[in-house]
Amino acid sequence: VESGGGLVQPGGSVRLSCAASGSIFRVYLMGWYR
């Protein structure tokens, strides 16, 4: 579940979050694509 997106001004900042749930074991990698 991602959150934190929206409208931001050029030069500004935003922080995206991704919360994982379920069968969370043996996690090798997490990342962001666009």
All heavy atoms as atom14 arrays in JSON, in Angstrom:
{
  "sequence": "VESGGGLVQPGGSVRLSCAASGSIFRVYLMGWYR",
  "atom14_mask": [
    [1, 1, 1, 1, 1, 1, 1, 0, 0, 0, 0, 0, 0, 0],
    [1, 1, 1, 1, 1, 1, 1, 1, 1, 0, 0, 0, 0, 0],
    [1, 1, 1, 1, 1, 1, 0, 0, 0, 0, 0, 0, 0, 0],
    [1, 1, 1, 1, 0, 0, 0, 0, 0, 0, 0, 0, 0, 0],
    [1, 1, 1, 1, 0, 0, 0, 0, 0, 0, 0, 0, 0, 0],
    [1, 1, 1, 1, 0, 0, 0, 0, 0, 0, 0, 0, 0, 0],
    [1, 1, 1, 1, 1, 1, 1, 1, 0, 0, 0, 0, 0, 0],
    [1, 1, 1, 1, 1, 1, 1, 0, 0, 0, 0, 0, 0, 0],
    [1, 1, 1, 1, 1, 1, 1, 1, 1, 0, 0, 0, 0, 0],
    [1, 1, 1, 1, 1, 1, 1, 0, 0, 0, 0, 0, 0, 0],
    [1, 1, 1, 1, 0, 0, 0, 0, 0, 0, 0, 0, 0, 0],
    [1, 1, 1, 1, 0, 0, 0, 0, 0, 0, 0, 0, 0, 0],
    [1, 1, 1, 1, 1, 1, 0, 0, 0, 0, 0, 0, 0, 0],
    [1, 1, 1, 1, 1, 1, 1, 0, 0, 0, 0, 0, 0, 0],
    [1, 1, 1, 1, 1, 1, 1, 1, 1, 1, 1, 0, 0, 0],
    [1, 1, 1, 1, 1, 1, 1, 1, 0, 0, 0, 0, 0, 0],
    [1, 1, 1, 1, 1, 1, 0, 0, 0, 0, 0, 0, 0, 0],
    [1, 1, 1, 1, 1, 1, 0, 0, 0, 0, 0, 0, 0, 0],
    [1, 1, 1, 1, 1, 0, 0, 0, 0, 0, 0, 0, 0, 0],
    [1, 1, 1, 1, 1, 0, 0, 0, 0, 0, 0, 0, 0, 0],
    [1, 1, 1, 1, 1, 1, 0, 0, 0, 0, 0, 0, 0, 0],
    [1, 1, 1, 1, 0, 0, 0, 0, 0, 0, 0, 0, 0, 0],
    [1, 1, 1, 1, 1, 1, 0, 0, 0, 0, 0, 0, 0, 0],
    [1, 1, 1, 1, 1, 1, 1, 1, 0, 0, 0, 0, 0, 0],
    [1, 1, 1, 1, 1, 1, 1, 1, 1, 1, 1, 0, 0, 0],
    [1, 1, 1, 1, 1, 1, 1, 1, 1, 1, 1, 0, 0, 0],
    [1, 1, 1, 1, 1, 1, 1, 0, 0, 0, 0, 0, 0, 0],
    [1, 1, 1, 1, 1, 1, 1, 1, 1, 1, 1, 1, 0, 0],
    [1, 1, 1, 1, 1, 1, 1, 1, 0, 0, 0, 0, 0, 0],
    [1, 1, 1, 1, 1, 1, 1, 1, 0, 0, 0, 0, 0, 0],
    [1, 1, 1, 1, 0, 0, 0, 0, 0, 0, 0, 0, 0, 0],
    [1, 1, 1, 1, 1, 1, 1, 1, 1, 1, 1, 1, 1, 1],
    [1, 1, 1, 1, 1, 1, 1, 1, 1, 1, 1, 1, 0, 0],
    [1, 1, 1, 1, 1, 1, 1, 1, 1, 1, 1, 0, 0, 0]
  ],
  "atom14_positions": [
    [[0.85, -1.18, 0.0], [0.0, 0.0, 0.0], [0.88, 1.23, 0.0], [1.61, 1.48, 0.96], [-0.95, 0.02, 1.2], [-1.8, 1.29, 1.18], [-1.83, -1.21, 1.21], [0.0, 0.0, 0.0], [0.0, 0.0, 0.0], [0.0, 0.0, 0.0], [0.0, 0.0, 0.0], [0.0, 0.0, 0.0], [0.0, 0.0, 0.0], [0.0, 0.0, 0.0]],
    [[0.8, 2.01, -1.08], [1.57, 3.23, -1.21], [0.76, 4.42, -0.72], [-0.47, 4.44, -0.83], [1.99, 3.47, -2.66], [2.87, 2.38, -3.24], [2.18, 1.63, -4.36], [0.95, 1.43, -4.28], [2.87, 1.25, -5.32], [0.0, 0.0, 0.0], [0.0, 0.0, 0.0], [0.0, 0.0, 0.0], [0.0, 0.0, 0.0], [0.0, 0.0, 0.0]],
    [[1.46, 5.42, -0.24], [0.81, 6.66, 0.17], [1.81, 7.8, 0.07], [3.02, 7.58, -0.02], [0.26, 6.56, 1.59], [1.3, 6.31, 2.53], [0.0, 0.0, 0.0], [0.0, 0.0, 0.0], [0.0, 0.0, 0.0], [0.0, 0.0, 0.0], [0.0, 0.0, 0.0], [0.0, 0.0, 0.0], [0.0, 0.0, 0.0], [0.0, 0.0, 0.0]],
    [[1.3, 9.02, 0.1], [2.15, 10.2, 0.13], [2.2, 10.99, -1.15], [2.78, 12.08, -1.18], [0.0, 0.0, 0.0], [0.0, 0.0, 0.0], [0.0, 0.0, 0.0], [0.0, 0.0, 0.0], [0.0, 0.0, 0.0], [0.0, 0.0, 0.0], [0.0, 0.0, 0.0], [0.0, 0.0, 0.0], [0.0, 0.0, 0.0], [0.0, 0.0, 0.0]],
    [[1.62, 10.48, -2.22], [1.65, 11.2, -3.48], [0.7, 12.39, -3.48], [-0.12, 12.56, -2.59], [0.0, 0.0, 0.0], [0.0, 0.0, 0.0], [0.0, 0.0, 0.0], [0.0, 0.0, 0.0], [0.0, 0.0, 0.0], [0.0, 0.0, 0.0], [0.0, 0.0, 0.0], [0.0, 0.0, 0.0], [0.0, 0.0, 0.0], [0.0, 0.0, 0.0]],
    [[0.86, 13.22, -4.49], [0.02, 14.39, -4.64], [0.67, 15.43, -5.51], [1.6, 15.15, -6.27], [0.0, 0.0, 0.0], [0.0, 0.0, 0.0], [0.0, 0.0, 0.0], [0.0, 0.0, 0.0], [0.0, 0.0, 0.0], [0.0, 0.0, 0.0], [0.0, 0.0, 0.0], [0.0, 0.0, 0.0], [0.0, 0.0, 0.0], [0.0, 0.0, 0.0]],
    [[0.17, 16.65, -5.39], [0.68, 17.78, -6.15], [1.74, 18.51, -5.34], [1.52, 18.83, -4.16], [-0.46, 18.74, -6.51], [-0.08, 20.01, -7.26], [0.48, 19.67, -8.64], [-1.3, 20.92, -7.37], [0.0, 0.0, 0.0], [0.0, 0.0, 0.0], [0.0, 0.0, 0.0], [0.0, 0.0, 0.0], [0.0, 0.0, 0.0], [0.0, 0.0, 0.0]],
    [[2.87, 18.79, -5.97], [3.97, 19.47, -5.3], [4.59, 20.48, -6.26], [4.6, 20.27, -7.48], [5.02, 18.46, -4.78], [5.63, 17.67, -5.93], [6.08, 19.14, -3.95], [0.0, 0.0, 0.0], [0.0, 0.0, 0.0], [0.0, 0.0, 0.0], [0.0, 0.0, 0.0], [0.0, 0.0, 0.0], [0.0, 0.0, 0.0], [0.0, 0.0, 0.0]],
    [[5.1, 21.57, -5.71], [5.72, 22.61, -6.52], [7.12, 22.19, -6.97], [7.8, 21.44, -6.27], [5.8, 23.91, -5.73], [4.47, 24.46, -5.26], [3.6, 24.92, -6.4], [4.09, 25.47, -7.38], [2.31, 24.71, -6.27], [0.0, 0.0, 0.0], [0.0, 0.0, 0.0], [0.0, 0.0, 0.0], [0.0, 0.0, 0.0], [0.0, 0.0, 0.0]],
    [[7.56, 22.67, -8.13], [8.95, 22.43, -8.52], [9.9, 22.92, -7.43], [9.72, 23.99, -6.86], [9.11, 23.24, -9.8], [7.73, 23.31, -10.36], [6.82, 23.41, -9.16], [0.0, 0.0, 0.0], [0.0, 0.0, 0.0], [0.0, 0.0, 0.0], [0.0, 0.0, 0.0], [0.0, 0.0, 0.0], [0.0, 0.0, 0.0], [0.0, 0.0, 0.0]],
    [[10.92, 22.11, -7.17], [11.85, 22.41, -6.1], [11.41, 21.91, -4.74], [12.2, 21.97, -3.79], [0.0, 0.0, 0.0], [0.0, 0.0, 0.0], [0.0, 0.0, 0.0], [0.0, 0.0, 0.0], [0.0, 0.0, 0.0], [0.0, 0.0, 0.0], [0.0, 0.0, 0.0], [0.0, 0.0, 0.0], [0.0, 0.0, 0.0], [0.0, 0.0, 0.0]],
    [[10.19, 21.43, -4.64], [9.67, 20.96, -3.38], [10.06, 19.53, -3.08], [10.82, 18.9, -3.81], [0.0, 0.0, 0.0], [0.0, 0.0, 0.0], [0.0, 0.0, 0.0], [0.0, 0.0, 0.0], [0.0, 0.0, 0.0], [0.0, 0.0, 0.0], [0.0, 0.0, 0.0], [0.0, 0.0, 0.0], [0.0, 0.0, 0.0], [0.0, 0.0, 0.0]],
    [[9.5, 19.02, -2.0], [9.81, 17.68, -1.52], [8.55, 16.93, -1.17], [7.53, 17.52, -0.8], [10.71, 17.74, -0.28], [11.95, 18.34, -0.55], [0.0, 0.0, 0.0], [0.0, 0.0, 0.0], [0.0, 0.0, 0.0], [0.0, 0.0, 0.0], [0.0, 0.0, 0.0], [0.0, 0.0, 0.0], [0.0, 0.0, 0.0], [0.0, 0.0, 0.0]],
    [[8.62, 15.63, -1.28], [7.54, 14.76, -0.86], [8.13, 13.43, -0.43], [9.19, 13.03, -0.93], [6.49, 14.57, -1.98], [7.07, 13.75, -3.13], [5.22, 13.93, -1.44], [0.0, 0.0, 0.0], [0.0, 0.0, 0.0], [0.0, 0.0, 0.0], [0.0, 0.0, 0.0], [0.0, 0.0, 0.0], [0.0, 0.0, 0.0], [0.0, 0.0, 0.0]],
    [[7.46, 12.77, 0.49], [7.92, 11.48, 0.97], [6.85, 10.43, 0.71], [5.73, 10.54, 1.2], [8.21, 11.53, 2.47], [8.91, 10.3, 3.02], [8.92, 10.31, 4.53], [9.92, 9.42, 5.1], [9.94, 9.02, 6.37], [9.02, 9.44, 7.22], [10.89, 8.2, 6.8], [0.0, 0.0, 0.0], [0.0, 0.0, 0.0], [0.0, 0.0, 0.0]],
    [[7.21, 9.43, -0.08], [6.32, 8.32, -0.35], [6.58, 7.18, 0.62], [7.71, 6.94, 1.02], [6.52, 7.8, -1.78], [6.38, 8.82, -2.91], [6.56, 8.12, -4.25], [5.05, 9.54, -2.84], [0.0, 0.0, 0.0], [0.0, 0.0, 0.0], [0.0, 0.0, 0.0], [0.0, 0.0, 0.0], [0.0, 0.0, 0.0], [0.0, 0.0, 0.0]],
    [[5.52, 6.48, 0.99], [5.62, 5.34, 1.87], [5.0, 4.12, 1.21], [4.03, 4.24, 0.46], [4.9, 5.6, 3.2], [5.47, 6.68, 3.89], [0.0, 0.0, 0.0], [0.0, 0.0, 0.0], [0.0, 0.0, 0.0], [0.0, 0.0, 0.0], [0.0, 0.0, 0.0], [0.0, 0.0, 0.0], [0.0, 0.0, 0.0], [0.0, 0.0, 0.0]],
    [[5.55, 2.97, 1.5], [5.01, 1.7, 1.02], [5.03, 0.71, 2.17], [6.11, 0.32, 2.63], [5.83, 1.17, -0.16], [5.35, -0.48, -0.71], [0.0, 0.0, 0.0], [0.0, 0.0, 0.0], [0.0, 0.0, 0.0], [0.0, 0.0, 0.0], [0.0, 0.0, 0.0], [0.0, 0.0, 0.0], [0.0, 0.0, 0.0], [0.0, 0.0, 0.0]],
    [[3.86, 0.33, 2.63], [3.72, -0.6, 3.73], [3.37, -1.98, 3.19], [2.41, -2.13, 2.43], [2.65, -0.13, 4.71], [0.0, 0.0, 0.0], [0.0, 0.0, 0.0], [0.0, 0.0, 0.0], [0.0, 0.0, 0.0], [0.0, 0.0, 0.0], [0.0, 0.0, 0.0], [0.0, 0.0, 0.0], [0.0, 0.0, 0.0], [0.0, 0.0, 0.0]],
    [[4.13, -2.98, 3.59], [3.92, -4.34, 3.15], [3.24, -5.16, 4.23], [3.52, -5.0, 5.43], [5.25, -4.99, 2.76], [0.0, 0.0, 0.0], [0.0, 0.0, 0.0], [0.0, 0.0, 0.0], [0.0, 0.0, 0.0], [0.0, 0.0, 0.0], [0.0, 0.0, 0.0], [0.0, 0.0, 0.0], [0.0, 0.0, 0.0], [0.0, 0.0, 0.0]],
    [[2.35, -6.04, 3.81], [1.68, -6.93, 4.75], [1.44, -8.27, 4.06], [1.56, -8.39, 2.84], [0.36, -6.34, 5.24], [-0.54, -6.14, 4.16], [0.0, 0.0, 0.0], [0.0, 0.0, 0.0], [0.0, 0.0, 0.0], [0.0, 0.0, 0.0], [0.0, 0.0, 0.0], [0.0, 0.0, 0.0], [0.0, 0.0, 0.0], [0.0, 0.0, 0.0]],
    [[1.1, -9.28, 4.86], [0.88, -10.61, 4.34], [2.05, -11.52, 4.64], [2.58, -11.51, 5.75], [0.0, 0.0, 0.0], [0.0, 0.0, 0.0], [0.0, 0.0, 0.0], [0.0, 0.0, 0.0], [0.0, 0.0, 0.0], [0.0, 0.0, 0.0], [0.0, 0.0, 0.0], [0.0, 0.0, 0.0], [0.0, 0.0, 0.0], [0.0, 0.0, 0.0]],
    [[2.43, -12.29, 3.66], [3.52, -13.26, 3.82], [4.86, -12.58, 3.65], [5.55, -12.76, 2.63], [3.34, -14.41, 2.84], [2.11, -15.09, 3.04], [0.0, 0.0, 0.0], [0.0, 0.0, 0.0], [0.0, 0.0, 0.0], [0.0, 0.0, 0.0], [0.0, 0.0, 0.0], [0.0, 0.0, 0.0], [0.0, 0.0, 0.0], [0.0, 0.0, 0.0]],
    [[5.22, -11.8, 4.65], [6.46, -11.04, 4.58], [7.58, -11.86, 5.22], [7.77, -11.85, 6.44], [6.32, -9.68, 5.28], [5.09, -8.94, 4.75], [7.58, -8.86, 5.07], [5.14, -8.7, 3.26], [0.0, 0.0, 0.0], [0.0, 0.0, 0.0], [0.0, 0.0, 0.0], [0.0, 0.0, 0.0], [0.0, 0.0, 0.0], [0.0, 0.0, 0.0]],
    [[8.29, -12.56, 4.39], [9.46, -13.3, 4.82], [10.39, -13.47, 3.63], [9.95, -13.45, 2.48], [9.06, -14.66, 5.42], [8.38, -15.59, 4.45], [9.11, -16.51, 3.71], [7.01, -15.55, 4.29], [8.48, -17.36, 2.83], [6.36, -16.4, 3.41], [7.11, -17.31, 2.68], [0.0, 0.0, 0.0], [0.0, 0.0, 0.0], [0.0, 0.0, 0.0]],
    [[11.63, -13.64, 3.92], [12.65, -13.81, 2.89], [12.54, -12.73, 1.83], [12.53, -13.0, 0.63], [12.56, -15.2, 2.27], [12.77, -16.33, 3.28], [12.59, -17.7, 2.63], [13.65, -17.99, 1.68], [14.83, -18.53, 2.01], [15.09, -18.84, 3.28], [15.72, -18.77, 1.07], [0.0, 0.0, 0.0], [0.0, 0.0, 0.0], [0.0, 0.0, 0.0]],
    [[12.46, -11.49, 2.29], [12.4, -10.35, 1.38], [13.81, -10.01, 0.91], [14.69, -9.74, 1.73], [11.75, -9.14, 2.07], [11.8, -7.92, 1.15], [10.32, -9.46, 2.45], [0.0, 0.0, 0.0], [0.0, 0.0, 0.0], [0.0, 0.0, 0.0], [0.0, 0.0, 0.0], [0.0, 0.0, 0.0], [0.0, 0.0, 0.0], [0.0, 0.0, 0.0]],
    [[13.99, -10.01, -0.39], [15.29, -9.73, -0.96], [15.47, -8.27, -1.35], [16.57, -7.73, -1.26], [15.52, -10.6, -2.2], [15.52, -12.08, -1.93], [15.03, -12.97, -2.89], [16.02, -12.61, -0.75], [15.01, -14.33, -2.67], [16.01, -13.97, -0.52], [15.51, -14.83, -1.47], [15.51, -16.19, -1.25], [0.0, 0.0, 0.0], [0.0, 0.0, 0.0]],
    [[14.38, -7.64, -1.79], [14.5, -6.33, -2.38], [13.17, -5.58, -2.29], [12.1, -6.17, -2.46], [14.91, -6.47, -3.86], [15.11, -5.21, -4.68], [16.43, -4.55, -4.28], [15.11, -5.54, -6.16], [0.0, 0.0, 0.0], [0.0, 0.0, 0.0], [0.0, 0.0, 0.0], [0.0, 0.0, 0.0], [0.0, 0.0, 0.0], [0.0, 0.0, 0.0]],
    [[13.24, -4.31, -2.02], [12.1, -3.42, -2.17], [12.55, -2.2, -2.95], [13.69, -1.75, -2.79], [11.51, -3.0, -0.82], [10.88, -4.15, -0.06], [9.95, -3.62, 1.41], [8.51, -2.85, 0.63], [0.0, 0.0, 0.0], [0.0, 0.0, 0.0], [0.0, 0.0, 0.0], [0.0, 0.0, 0.0], [0.0, 0.0, 0.0], [0.0, 0.0, 0.0]],
    [[11.66, -1.7, -3.77], [12.05, -0.57, -4.59], [10.87, 0.22, -5.09], [9.71, -0.12, -4.86], [0.0, 0.0, 0.0], [0.0, 0.0, 0.0], [0.0, 0.0, 0.0], [0.0, 0.0, 0.0], [0.0, 0.0, 0.0], [0.0, 0.0, 0.0], [0.0, 0.0, 0.0], [0.0, 0.0, 0.0], [0.0, 0.0, 0.0], [0.0, 0.0, 0.0]],
    [[11.21, 1.31, -5.76], [10.23, 2.2, -6.36], [10.48, 2.3, -7.85], [11.62, 2.49, -8.29], [10.31, 3.6, -5.74], [9.84, 3.67, -4.32], [10.59, 3.55, -3.2], [8.49, 3.86, -3.89], [9.81, 3.67, -2.08], [8.51, 3.86, -2.48], [7.28, 4.04, -4.55], [7.36, 4.03, -1.7], [6.13, 4.2, -3.79], [6.18, 4.2, -2.39]],
    [[9.41, 2.16, -8.6], [9.4, 2.4, -10.04], [8.46, 3.54, -10.34], [7.59, 3.89, -9.53], [8.95, 1.15, -10.79], [9.94, 0.01, -10.8], [10.17, -0.75, -9.67], [10.63, -0.32, -11.97], [11.07, -1.81, -9.67], [11.52, -1.38, -11.99], [11.74, -2.12, -10.84], [12.62, -3.17, -10.87], [0.0, 0.0, 0.0], [0.0, 0.0, 0.0]],
    [[8.6, 4.11, -11.51], [7.66, 5.14, -11.93], [7.36, 4.99, -13.41], [8.17, 4.47, -14.17], [8.17, 6.54, -11.62], [9.38, 6.98, -12.43], [9.87, 8.34, -11.95], [11.01, 8.81, -12.72], [11.72, 9.89, -12.42], [11.38, 10.63, -11.36], [12.74, 10.25, -13.17], [0.0, 0.0, 0.0], [0.0, 0.0, 0.0], [0.0, 0.0, 0.0]]
  ]
}
